[in-house]
Amino acid sequence: MRTPGEVTRAGPLPGGEGGGGAAYDVVVVGAGVVGAAIARALARHPLRVALVEAANDVGDGTSKANTAILHTGFDAVPGTLEARLVREGHRLLTAYARETGIPVEPLGALLVARDEQQRAALPRLAEKAGRNGHRTTRIIDAAELSAREPHLGPGALGALDVPGESIVCPWTTVLAYATQAVRSGVDLHLNCRVEEVRPGDPHHRLVTPRGTLRTRHLVNACGLYADAFDALVGREDFTVTPRRGQLLVFDKFARDLVRHILLPVPGPLGKGVLVSPTVYGNVMLGPTAEDLDDKTATGTTTGGIAGLLEQGGRVLPALLDEEVTAVYAGLRAATGREDYRIAAHPALRYVTVGGIRSTGLSASLAIAEHVLGLLADCGLAPGPERPLAPVLVPNLGEAFPRPYRDAGLIARDPDFGAVVCHCERVTRGEIRAALVSTIPPGGLDGLRRRTRARSGRCQGNFCGAEVRALFEEARNLPGAYEGDGR
């Protein structure tokens, strides 16, 4: 039987007393969707691995605020590393989601042309999709488009039909990777920002506020801060520019207005503003694409929201009659190149996984396999493969059975029939299960990402006090984890 890894949030790091800190074969820095996927892949081998994160929870950066699309890679730049890894990642994550319970809905996408120039671009986009191995796209005319999306605004001339594009839950994807990694022996150290790297042989030393870690091999999966971490080991290969995407989430009453992921013909800053259902039963509009200097600027702006509403009103006019239940912004890592910045540095026994753009969720499992190969190039001998510990994440998808409707589950544990968050139908049993899980939430936002509690139309105004009380009760249990209470 495999020994699970440790999850720490506070206090000195294990092995910190004498000996220069705990020693690992590989340390992965950054517990977003890519870092967690890499840690999970490493856990298949008899290695001592740590996943280190500056925040108090997994998936707390770029991974928590994206458009939640599982891309086929049909519109990637052909021949790039990104194109290959998104294509492979789509296949891997689709299968992994079935295995672990991550909700995925294969709605397909429609790339909508709204003027003659955009319509003329559709054959070129179909040909590009073919070069990326996606040969099932087809151009549809205005009549078929209207029949398939009857609420579209006037002026749509046709579309590129892209089967296979799906919506996915990004929150439980990160959670599944990290949980499986920990259950399979990986140590997870949260609230553990790496402030200094002291390269050495046989071990690099990573200095954190909680002590020092030693590692033979090092992986940089720091997202927006990949360039800053590179600088700690003496590399200056690229600069990350934070690209802000503001998004609107509409109430569940809007869900019947849209049947596919509606994409515009892409522009120079990316795929543009989309209208898409979410697996949680809402409709999402966004994102914007604003290049900034501040890597913490996740606030929304009046101008950004007004621009989204204007564009959304042209695509789906009836959407503007529905209530907005949430507004948020995420930052993605732009590096001035339409490709990932993944590179091995064998002399340093170090791999940089940078420039992971909005497709990182889709490509995550393929990125992890690619990084394992690069670590071998850096001298890592992973050893034989072994099975990973099983994992089944809580279902947050509205199209799949939820606990409050599961009579058998409620009969076994009545707490799963006690609804706490009425907007999202989240039960006391789900909240309790999240609070005692392998990686319990570091705060109320982390609890929301594990259960949907406080993310509905009232945004926690009704259930917030009870949810907080449950969180505080769990945090105060003997031996409980340290959270920040947010």
Protein backbone atom coordinates (compact mmCIF):
# COMPACT_ATOMS: atom_id res chain seq x y z
CA MET A 1 0.00 0.00 0.00
CA ARG A 2 1.31 3.42 -0.91
CA THR A 3 2.08 5.96 1.79
CA PRO A 4 0.31 9.28 1.15
CA GLY A 5 2.30 12.47 1.09
CA GLU A 6 2.00 15.26 3.62
CA VAL A 7 -0.08 18.40 3.18
CA THR A 8 1.32 21.33 5.15
CA ARG A 9 0.13 24.93 5.39
CA ALA A 10 2.03 26.39 8.32
CA GLY A 11 5.01 25.86 10.57
CA PRO A 12 8.50 24.62 9.73
CA LEU A 13 8.81 22.37 6.72
CA PRO A 14 9.35 18.66 7.41
CA GLY A 15 13.01 17.81 7.82
CA GLY A 16 13.93 21.40 8.45
CA GLU A 17 15.77 20.75 11.67
CA GLY A 18 19.40 20.20 10.69
CA GLY A 19 20.59 18.63 7.48
CA GLY A 20 19.70 21.70 5.41
CA GLY A 21 16.02 20.90 4.88
CA ALA A 22 13.94 18.07 3.44
CA ALA A 23 15.52 16.42 0.39
CA TYR A 24 13.52 15.54 -2.74
CA ASP A 25 14.24 14.05 -6.13
CA VAL A 26 11.99 16.67 -7.78
CA VAL A 27 10.32 19.84 -6.50
CA VAL A 28 7.57 21.35 -8.66
CA VAL A 29 6.99 25.01 -7.86
CA GLY A 30 3.44 26.19 -8.57
CA ALA A 31 0.27 24.22 -7.74
CA GLY A 32 -1.93 25.41 -10.56
CA VAL A 33 -3.40 23.02 -13.09
CA VAL A 34 -0.06 22.48 -14.86
CA GLY A 35 2.09 22.11 -11.74
CA ALA A 36 -0.42 19.72 -10.16
CA ALA A 37 -0.54 17.67 -13.38
CA ILE A 38 3.26 17.40 -13.40
CA ALA A 39 3.33 16.32 -9.74
CA ARG A 40 0.71 13.69 -10.49
CA ALA A 41 2.73 12.34 -13.43
CA LEU A 42 5.86 12.13 -11.27
CA ALA A 43 3.89 10.25 -8.61
CA ARG A 44 3.68 7.25 -10.95
CA HIS A 45 7.36 6.61 -10.23
CA PRO A 46 9.29 5.74 -7.04
CA LEU A 47 10.53 9.29 -6.52
CA ARG A 48 10.37 11.67 -3.59
CA VAL A 49 8.41 14.65 -4.95
CA ALA A 50 7.15 17.91 -3.49
CA LEU A 51 4.62 20.34 -4.93
CA VAL A 52 5.23 23.82 -3.52
CA GLU A 53 2.78 26.73 -3.70
CA ALA A 54 2.95 30.33 -2.48
CA ALA A 55 -0.83 30.56 -1.95
CA ASN A 56 -2.83 28.76 0.71
CA ASP A 57 -4.57 26.42 -1.73
CA VAL A 58 -4.13 24.60 -5.01
CA GLY A 59 -5.45 26.22 -8.19
CA ASP A 60 -5.52 29.66 -6.60
CA GLY A 61 -3.98 31.66 -9.46
CA THR A 62 -4.67 31.64 -13.19
CA SER A 63 -6.27 28.19 -12.91
CA LYS A 64 -9.26 29.39 -10.90
CA ALA A 65 -10.42 32.14 -13.27
CA ASN A 66 -10.58 31.05 -16.88
CA THR A 67 -13.14 30.30 -19.56
CA ALA A 68 -13.35 26.60 -18.58
CA ILE A 69 -13.18 25.32 -22.17
CA LEU A 70 -11.67 21.92 -22.98
CA HIS A 71 -10.15 22.82 -26.36
CA THR A 72 -9.50 20.46 -29.24
CA GLY A 73 -6.65 22.65 -30.45
CA PHE A 74 -8.34 23.23 -33.80
CA ASP A 75 -7.17 26.85 -34.00
CA ALA A 76 -3.66 26.57 -32.54
CA VAL A 77 -0.71 27.58 -34.68
CA PRO A 78 0.09 24.39 -36.64
CA GLY A 79 3.45 22.83 -35.89
CA THR A 80 3.86 24.50 -32.50
CA LEU A 81 4.42 22.66 -29.24
CA GLU A 82 1.14 24.14 -28.00
CA ALA A 83 -0.78 22.68 -30.95
CA ARG A 84 0.55 19.18 -30.28
CA LEU A 85 0.07 19.30 -26.52
CA VAL A 86 -3.46 20.72 -26.67
CA ARG A 87 -4.47 18.01 -29.15
CA GLU A 88 -2.99 15.27 -26.94
CA GLY A 89 -4.23 16.92 -23.76
CA HIS A 90 -7.82 17.05 -25.01
CA ARG A 91 -7.77 13.29 -25.50
CA LEU A 92 -6.10 12.60 -22.15
CA LEU A 93 -8.27 14.93 -20.08
CA THR A 94 -11.48 13.71 -21.69
CA ALA A 95 -10.62 10.16 -20.62
CA TYR A 96 -9.35 11.25 -17.20
CA ALA A 97 -12.56 13.18 -16.51
CA ARG A 98 -14.62 10.04 -17.10
CA GLU A 99 -12.39 8.15 -14.67
CA THR A 100 -12.41 10.73 -11.88
CA GLY A 101 -15.83 12.37 -12.16
CA ILE A 102 -14.73 15.78 -13.48
CA PRO A 103 -17.81 17.15 -15.28
CA VAL A 104 -17.34 17.63 -19.03
CA GLU A 105 -20.05 18.49 -21.57
CA PRO A 106 -19.10 18.09 -25.26
CA LEU A 107 -21.32 20.85 -26.67
CA GLY A 108 -19.22 21.67 -29.71
CA ALA A 109 -18.35 25.21 -30.78
CA LEU A 110 -19.60 27.54 -33.49
CA LEU A 111 -17.15 30.11 -34.81
CA VAL A 112 -19.61 32.80 -35.86
CA ALA A 113 -18.88 35.15 -38.77
CA ARG A 114 -20.64 38.50 -38.54
CA ASP A 115 -19.32 40.24 -41.66
CA GLU A 116 -18.10 39.26 -45.11
CA GLN A 117 -14.45 39.45 -44.15
CA GLN A 118 -15.02 37.01 -41.28
CA ARG A 119 -17.09 34.69 -43.47
CA ALA A 120 -14.30 34.68 -46.05
CA ALA A 121 -11.90 33.59 -43.29
CA LEU A 122 -13.88 30.44 -42.41
CA PRO A 123 -12.37 28.18 -45.12
CA ARG A 124 -8.90 29.19 -44.00
CA LEU A 125 -9.78 28.38 -40.39
CA ALA A 126 -11.18 25.00 -41.46
CA GLU A 127 -7.97 24.26 -43.34
CA LYS A 128 -5.95 25.28 -40.27
CA ALA A 129 -8.04 22.93 -38.13
CA GLY A 130 -7.26 20.13 -40.57
CA ARG A 131 -3.52 20.78 -40.26
CA ASN A 132 -4.00 20.44 -36.50
CA GLY A 133 -5.56 17.01 -36.97
CA HIS A 134 -9.15 18.20 -36.50
CA ARG A 135 -10.84 17.15 -39.74
CA THR A 136 -14.50 17.13 -38.69
CA THR A 137 -15.10 20.88 -38.90
CA ARG A 138 -17.49 22.16 -41.53
CA ILE A 139 -18.85 25.51 -42.66
CA ILE A 140 -22.58 26.05 -42.10
CA ASP A 141 -24.74 28.75 -43.62
CA ALA A 142 -26.88 31.37 -41.89
CA ALA A 143 -30.04 29.25 -42.06
CA GLU A 144 -28.50 26.25 -40.31
CA LEU A 145 -26.78 28.51 -37.81
CA SER A 146 -30.09 30.17 -36.95
CA ALA A 147 -31.79 26.79 -36.53
CA ARG A 148 -29.08 25.59 -34.17
CA GLU A 149 -28.82 28.85 -32.22
CA PRO A 150 -32.23 30.57 -32.54
CA HIS A 151 -31.40 33.37 -30.08
CA LEU A 152 -28.41 34.70 -32.03
CA GLY A 153 -28.53 38.39 -32.83
CA PRO A 154 -29.10 39.65 -36.39
CA GLY A 155 -26.25 39.77 -38.85
CA ALA A 156 -24.70 36.32 -38.39
CA LEU A 157 -23.73 35.12 -41.88
CA GLY A 158 -22.52 31.62 -41.12
CA ALA A 159 -20.17 29.71 -38.88
CA LEU A 160 -17.48 27.08 -38.64
CA ASP A 161 -18.91 24.09 -36.80
CA VAL A 162 -16.26 22.57 -34.49
CA PRO A 163 -17.34 19.27 -32.92
CA GLY A 164 -15.45 18.14 -29.84
CA GLU A 165 -15.04 21.48 -28.10
CA SER A 166 -16.31 20.98 -24.56
CA ILE A 167 -16.97 22.78 -21.31
CA VAL A 168 -15.25 21.46 -18.18
CA CYS A 169 -14.93 22.18 -14.47
CA PRO A 170 -11.51 23.79 -13.97
CA TRP A 171 -11.76 23.74 -10.18
CA THR A 172 -12.10 19.98 -9.74
CA THR A 173 -9.54 19.32 -12.47
CA VAL A 174 -6.79 20.90 -10.37
CA LEU A 175 -8.19 19.25 -7.25
CA ALA A 176 -8.16 15.80 -8.89
CA TYR A 177 -4.55 16.12 -10.03
CA ALA A 178 -3.28 17.41 -6.68
CA THR A 179 -5.32 14.95 -4.62
CA GLN A 180 -4.14 12.00 -6.67
CA ALA A 181 -0.55 13.21 -6.38
CA VAL A 182 -0.76 13.51 -2.58
CA ARG A 183 -2.50 10.16 -2.16
CA SER A 184 0.27 8.65 -4.28
CA GLY A 185 3.08 10.02 -2.11
CA VAL A 186 3.72 13.64 -3.18
CA ASP A 187 4.19 16.21 -0.40
CA LEU A 188 2.18 19.42 -0.86
CA HIS A 189 3.54 22.51 0.88
CA LEU A 190 1.20 25.52 0.78
CA ASN A 191 1.87 29.07 2.00
CA CYS A 192 5.42 28.31 0.90
CA ARG A 193 6.74 30.98 -1.46
CA VAL A 194 10.23 30.27 -2.82
CA GLU A 195 12.24 33.42 -2.17
CA GLU A 196 15.70 32.24 -3.15
CA VAL A 197 17.23 29.38 -5.13
CA ARG A 198 20.78 28.30 -4.35
CA PRO A 199 21.85 26.01 -7.19
CA GLY A 200 24.14 23.19 -6.18
CA ASP A 201 25.26 19.63 -6.73
CA PRO A 202 23.77 17.22 -5.82
CA HIS A 203 20.99 19.43 -4.41
CA HIS A 204 19.55 22.84 -5.14
CA ARG A 205 18.37 24.65 -2.03
CA LEU A 206 15.04 26.45 -2.09
CA VAL A 207 14.70 29.06 0.62
CA THR A 208 11.15 29.77 1.82
CA PRO A 209 9.71 31.60 4.86
CA ARG A 210 8.96 28.16 6.32
CA GLY A 211 12.45 26.75 5.90
CA THR A 212 14.65 25.23 3.23
CA LEU A 213 13.94 22.45 0.76
CA ARG A 214 16.62 20.49 -1.08
CA THR A 215 16.03 18.92 -4.48
CA ARG A 216 18.04 17.23 -7.20
CA HIS A 217 15.71 18.43 -9.95
CA LEU A 218 13.52 21.51 -10.15
CA VAL A 219 10.44 22.38 -12.22
CA ASN A 220 9.19 25.95 -12.62
CA ALA A 221 5.39 25.92 -13.09
CA CYS A 222 4.88 29.38 -11.65
CA GLY A 223 2.44 30.73 -14.23
CA LEU A 224 2.48 34.52 -14.19
CA TYR A 225 5.71 34.43 -12.20
CA ALA A 226 7.60 31.94 -14.38
CA ASP A 227 9.96 34.66 -15.58
CA ALA A 228 10.63 35.84 -12.03
CA PHE A 229 11.39 32.29 -10.91
CA ASP A 230 13.67 31.80 -13.91
CA ALA A 231 15.62 34.83 -12.70
CA LEU A 232 16.20 33.09 -9.35
CA VAL A 233 18.23 30.42 -11.17
CA GLY A 234 19.97 32.90 -13.46
CA ARG A 235 17.77 32.56 -16.57
CA GLU A 236 16.25 35.49 -18.47
CA ASP A 237 14.74 33.83 -21.53
CA PHE A 238 11.37 35.60 -21.70
CA THR A 239 9.15 38.12 -19.95
CA VAL A 240 5.61 37.39 -18.79
CA THR A 241 3.05 40.10 -19.49
CA PRO A 242 -0.17 39.59 -17.52
CA ARG A 243 -3.13 39.63 -19.88
CA ARG A 244 -6.34 40.34 -18.01
CA GLY A 245 -9.59 38.69 -18.99
CA GLN A 246 -12.75 40.09 -17.43
CA LEU A 247 -15.83 37.86 -17.50
CA LEU A 248 -19.51 38.02 -16.64
CA VAL A 249 -21.51 35.07 -15.30
CA PHE A 250 -25.25 35.15 -15.96
CA ASP A 251 -27.90 33.46 -13.86
CA LYS A 252 -29.10 29.94 -14.62
CA PHE A 253 -32.30 31.27 -16.21
CA ALA A 254 -30.07 32.28 -19.17
CA ARG A 255 -28.95 28.72 -19.84
CA ASP A 256 -31.67 27.96 -22.42
CA LEU A 257 -30.49 30.84 -24.60
CA VAL A 258 -27.37 29.09 -25.88
CA ARG A 259 -26.65 25.51 -26.97
CA HIS A 260 -23.01 25.66 -28.10
CA ILE A 261 -19.82 27.49 -27.26
CA LEU A 262 -20.15 30.62 -29.41
CA LEU A 263 -16.79 31.93 -30.57
CA PRO A 264 -15.97 34.95 -32.72
CA VAL A 265 -13.51 34.79 -35.57
CA PRO A 266 -10.21 35.26 -33.64
CA GLY A 267 -8.25 38.50 -33.61
CA PRO A 268 -4.61 39.36 -32.85
CA LEU A 269 -5.08 39.17 -29.04
CA GLY A 270 -6.64 35.73 -28.99
CA LYS A 271 -9.96 34.01 -29.43
CA GLY A 272 -11.92 37.10 -28.45
CA VAL A 273 -15.16 37.37 -26.49
CA LEU A 274 -17.17 34.17 -26.31
CA VAL A 275 -20.60 33.25 -25.03
CA SER A 276 -20.63 29.83 -23.44
CA PRO A 277 -22.64 27.69 -21.07
CA THR A 278 -20.81 26.49 -17.96
CA VAL A 279 -20.96 23.06 -16.39
CA TYR A 280 -22.54 24.76 -13.36
CA GLY A 281 -25.64 25.69 -15.39
CA ASN A 282 -24.84 29.36 -15.99
CA VAL A 283 -23.85 31.32 -19.10
CA MET A 284 -20.49 33.08 -19.31
CA LEU A 285 -19.53 36.11 -21.40
CA GLY A 286 -15.91 37.12 -21.94
CA PRO A 287 -13.02 37.44 -21.65
CA THR A 288 -11.49 40.79 -22.43
CA ALA A 289 -7.80 40.86 -23.40
CA GLU A 290 -5.88 43.66 -21.71
CA ASP A 291 -2.09 43.62 -21.43
CA LEU A 292 -1.03 45.06 -18.06
CA ASP A 293 2.07 45.60 -15.95
CA ASP A 294 0.60 44.46 -12.62
CA LYS A 295 0.52 40.70 -12.02
CA THR A 296 -1.99 41.16 -9.21
CA ALA A 297 -4.54 43.31 -11.12
CA THR A 298 -7.49 40.93 -11.00
CA GLY A 299 -10.05 43.68 -10.45
CA THR A 300 -12.78 44.38 -12.97
CA THR A 301 -13.38 47.77 -14.59
CA THR A 302 -16.43 49.74 -15.62
CA GLY A 303 -15.10 50.01 -19.17
CA GLY A 304 -14.33 46.33 -19.40
CA ILE A 305 -17.79 45.28 -18.26
CA ALA A 306 -19.49 47.81 -20.52
CA GLY A 307 -17.52 46.49 -23.49
CA LEU A 308 -18.50 42.91 -22.72
CA LEU A 309 -22.17 43.82 -22.46
CA GLU A 310 -22.02 45.67 -25.77
CA GLN A 311 -20.42 42.72 -27.55
CA GLY A 312 -22.62 40.17 -25.81
CA GLY A 313 -25.70 42.12 -26.80
CA ARG A 314 -24.74 41.83 -30.48
CA VAL A 315 -24.14 38.09 -30.23
CA LEU A 316 -27.09 37.13 -28.03
CA PRO A 317 -29.41 40.13 -27.41
CA ALA A 318 -31.71 38.30 -25.00
CA LEU A 319 -28.75 37.64 -22.71
CA LEU A 320 -28.80 41.26 -21.57
CA ASP A 321 -32.28 40.72 -20.13
CA GLU A 322 -30.88 38.15 -17.70
CA GLU A 323 -29.30 38.85 -14.31
CA VAL A 324 -25.54 38.87 -13.82
CA THR A 325 -24.66 36.81 -10.76
CA ALA A 326 -20.87 37.22 -10.78
CA VAL A 327 -18.17 39.38 -12.31
CA TYR A 328 -14.54 38.35 -12.13
CA ALA A 329 -11.19 38.69 -13.87
CA GLY A 330 -8.29 36.34 -14.43
CA LEU A 331 -4.74 36.93 -15.63
CA ARG A 332 -3.07 34.71 -18.19
CA ALA A 333 0.61 34.62 -19.07
CA ALA A 334 1.47 36.28 -22.39
CA THR A 335 5.09 36.17 -23.53
CA GLY A 336 4.97 37.69 -27.02
CA ARG A 337 5.04 34.29 -28.73
CA GLU A 338 2.12 32.15 -29.86
CA ASP A 339 3.55 29.08 -28.22
CA TYR A 340 4.49 27.71 -24.83
CA ARG A 341 7.89 28.49 -23.32
CA ILE A 342 8.80 25.03 -22.08
CA ALA A 343 12.52 24.28 -21.94
CA ALA A 344 15.00 21.96 -20.23
CA HIS A 345 18.27 23.24 -18.77
CA PRO A 346 20.25 20.04 -18.19
CA ALA A 347 23.27 21.79 -16.64
CA LEU A 348 20.96 23.12 -13.93
CA ARG A 349 18.76 19.98 -13.70
CA TYR A 350 15.92 22.43 -14.21
CA VAL A 351 12.83 22.67 -16.44
CA THR A 352 10.91 25.87 -17.13
CA VAL A 353 7.21 25.48 -17.94
CA GLY A 354 6.32 29.04 -18.93
CA GLY A 355 4.06 30.95 -21.27
CA ILE A 356 1.20 28.55 -20.63
CA ARG A 357 -1.62 30.49 -22.19
CA SER A 358 -5.37 30.01 -21.98
CA THR A 359 -5.06 26.49 -23.37
CA GLY A 360 -3.12 25.26 -20.33
CA LEU A 361 -6.12 23.56 -18.76
CA SER A 362 -6.75 21.55 -21.93
CA ALA A 363 -3.09 20.66 -22.43
CA SER A 364 -2.22 20.02 -18.78
CA LEU A 365 -1.88 16.23 -18.85
CA ALA A 366 0.09 16.30 -22.10
CA ILE A 367 2.34 19.05 -20.72
CA ALA A 368 3.04 16.81 -17.74
CA GLU A 369 4.12 13.92 -19.96
CA HIS A 370 6.32 16.25 -22.00
CA VAL A 371 7.98 17.58 -18.85
CA LEU A 372 8.76 14.04 -17.68
CA GLY A 373 10.72 13.57 -20.88
CA LEU A 374 12.58 16.83 -20.33
CA LEU A 375 13.46 15.82 -16.77
CA ALA A 376 14.95 12.61 -18.18
CA ASP A 377 17.05 14.81 -20.46
CA CYS A 378 18.21 16.56 -17.28
CA GLY A 379 19.40 13.27 -15.80
CA LEU A 380 16.36 12.15 -13.81
CA ALA A 381 16.03 8.36 -13.67
CA PRO A 382 12.35 7.98 -12.73
CA GLY A 383 12.32 4.23 -12.23
CA PRO A 384 9.47 1.85 -13.00
CA GLU A 385 5.87 3.01 -13.25
CA ARG A 386 3.35 2.09 -10.58
CA PRO A 387 -0.39 2.63 -10.33
CA LEU A 388 -1.65 5.89 -8.93
CA ALA A 389 -4.00 5.96 -5.96
CA PRO A 390 -7.62 6.25 -7.12
CA VAL A 391 -9.48 9.55 -6.86
CA LEU A 392 -13.09 10.58 -7.40
CA VAL A 393 -13.82 14.29 -7.15
CA PRO A 394 -17.14 15.77 -6.00
CA ASN A 395 -19.49 16.41 -8.91
CA LEU A 396 -20.08 20.12 -9.42
CA GLY A 397 -21.74 19.72 -12.83
CA GLU A 398 -25.39 20.57 -13.24
CA ALA A 399 -25.89 18.00 -16.02
CA PHE A 400 -24.88 15.14 -13.73
CA PRO A 401 -26.44 13.71 -10.54
CA ARG A 402 -25.97 16.04 -7.58
CA PRO A 403 -26.01 14.80 -3.95
CA TYR A 404 -29.23 16.61 -2.98
CA ARG A 405 -31.10 14.41 -5.49
CA ASP A 406 -29.42 11.12 -4.53
CA ALA A 407 -31.94 9.27 -2.36
CA GLY A 408 -29.53 6.41 -1.62
CA LEU A 409 -26.78 8.74 -0.48
CA ILE A 410 -29.19 10.74 1.67
CA ALA A 411 -30.50 7.54 3.27
CA ARG A 412 -26.94 6.63 4.25
CA ASP A 413 -26.10 10.15 5.44
CA PRO A 414 -28.94 12.65 5.95
CA ASP A 415 -26.47 15.57 5.81
CA PHE A 416 -26.43 15.13 2.03
CA GLY A 417 -30.11 16.03 2.02
CA ALA A 418 -29.64 19.14 4.18
CA VAL A 419 -29.28 22.02 1.73
CA VAL A 420 -27.17 24.91 3.04
CA CYS A 421 -26.60 26.94 -0.13
CA HIS A 422 -30.02 27.05 -1.78
CA CYS A 423 -28.93 28.92 -4.92
CA GLU A 424 -26.51 26.14 -5.86
CA ARG A 425 -28.20 23.27 -3.97
CA VAL A 426 -25.09 22.57 -1.89
CA THR A 427 -25.62 20.32 1.10
CA ARG A 428 -24.09 20.13 4.54
CA GLY A 429 -22.70 16.73 3.62
CA GLU A 430 -20.77 18.13 0.64
CA ILE A 431 -19.31 20.93 2.73
CA ARG A 432 -18.35 18.54 5.50
CA ALA A 433 -16.71 16.16 3.01
CA ALA A 434 -14.67 18.99 1.49
CA LEU A 435 -13.49 20.14 4.91
CA VAL A 436 -12.08 16.71 5.81
CA SER A 437 -10.77 15.81 2.34
CA THR A 438 -7.17 14.98 1.41
CA ILE A 439 -6.54 18.64 0.55
CA PRO A 440 -9.04 20.65 2.60
CA PRO A 441 -9.75 24.21 1.45
CA GLY A 442 -7.54 26.98 2.76
CA GLY A 443 -10.44 29.41 3.03
CA LEU A 444 -14.00 30.10 1.98
CA ASP A 445 -13.00 30.68 -1.65
CA GLY A 446 -11.35 27.28 -1.70
CA LEU A 447 -14.49 25.76 -0.21
CA ARG A 448 -16.53 27.41 -2.98
CA ARG A 449 -14.30 25.81 -5.61
CA ARG A 450 -14.90 22.39 -4.04
CA THR A 451 -18.66 22.66 -3.54
CA ARG A 452 -20.11 25.75 -5.37
CA ALA A 453 -21.30 27.10 -1.99
CA ARG A 454 -21.68 30.91 -2.10
CA SER A 455 -21.35 31.11 -5.89
CA GLY A 456 -25.03 31.42 -6.80
CA ARG A 457 -27.33 34.34 -7.44
CA CYS A 458 -27.22 35.63 -3.85
CA GLN A 459 -23.40 35.33 -3.68
CA GLY A 460 -23.52 34.01 -0.13
CA ASN A 461 -25.88 36.60 1.36
CA PHE A 462 -28.21 33.83 2.53
CA CYS A 463 -25.84 30.95 3.26
CA GLY A 464 -22.61 32.80 4.01
CA ALA A 465 -22.91 32.79 7.81
CA GLU A 466 -23.66 29.07 8.02
CA VAL A 467 -20.94 28.17 5.52
CA ARG A 468 -18.41 30.22 7.50
CA ALA A 469 -19.52 28.58 10.75
CA LEU A 470 -18.99 25.12 9.26
CA PHE A 471 -15.57 26.16 7.98
CA GLU A 472 -14.52 27.59 11.35
CA GLU A 473 -15.81 24.52 13.17
CA ALA A 474 -13.69 22.25 10.99
CA ARG A 475 -10.64 24.49 11.29
CA ASN A 476 -10.82 24.42 15.07
CA LEU A 477 -10.92 20.65 15.36
CA PRO A 478 -7.82 19.08 17.02
CA GLY A 479 -5.16 18.52 14.39
CA ALA A 480 -7.00 20.56 11.78
CA TYR A 481 -5.21 22.47 9.08
CA GLU A 482 -4.38 26.17 9.17
CA GLY A 483 -6.55 28.30 6.88
CA ASP A 484 -6.73 32.04 6.37
CA GLY A 485 -10.51 32.18 6.78
CA ARG A 486 -11.21 34.05 3.54
